[in-house]
Amino acid sequence: MLEIPKGRIKGYYGAVGMHPTLLPEGRGRAPIPWTLIRSLPKTGLTVFSLFETADSGLVIDQIEVTIHEMETSTSLYYKMKDLHYAAGKRLAVELGSDDWSKAYHQDEEKATYWAKRCPEDSRIYQSLTIGDAINRVRAQKWPYPQTMMKIGHTDYAVNNIHKCNESVKKEPGGHEESKVVRFADADALVTLSRVGI
């Protein structure tokens, strides 16, 4: 595939990719969930030339975005969708001029690799801190699999987690219910839905 393009970018074949992190940070899988789980203050979209190794090519363009405290995987997904469009327009100018003078090699010493996530990574455990549990819930909103938690013998989908002193306890509607759950560092109000309902 890398040999199909006829044009070249600084001597390398001109296949171009986009990755929703500020490469070389966050090479690999599940970049949006990992960004939120790791509480990064910012992320972005990188346009890069494709090499044989994943996410390692020349950086052609990067667009940064700030991660807000209430950011979820859903809101970040839509931000990235918009960034792909904006980056595509900027890339069209580069392609038209055939000027790749701004493209640069990634700093391999700063490269980090994020692993593929599995269903177990979506579970919330009471051994977590509230902050870690909240980050997991924020990172696993649509379009990603929802976080799950077992309380007693029942599996629940976790809709939200709040520190008890930061939330007003309201009677939930529909199939949701709220429970106060003890985590490693404090109690939290957890909004849950029974699985299968």
Foldseek 3Di string as FASTA:
>chain_A
DQPPAPAAQVPGRAAKDKDWFDPLEEWEPLRQLVCLLVPPQKGWMWIFGDDPDTPFGWTQDIDMDGDDPLAASVNVVVVVVVRVVVVVVVVVVCVVVVDRVVTGGGDPVPHDYDDYDDLVLQEDDLQDDLSSNQSSQRHADPPHHFHWYDDPNFIWGWNHKAAPVPDDDDQDDDQWGWDWGHHNPGIIITITGGPPD
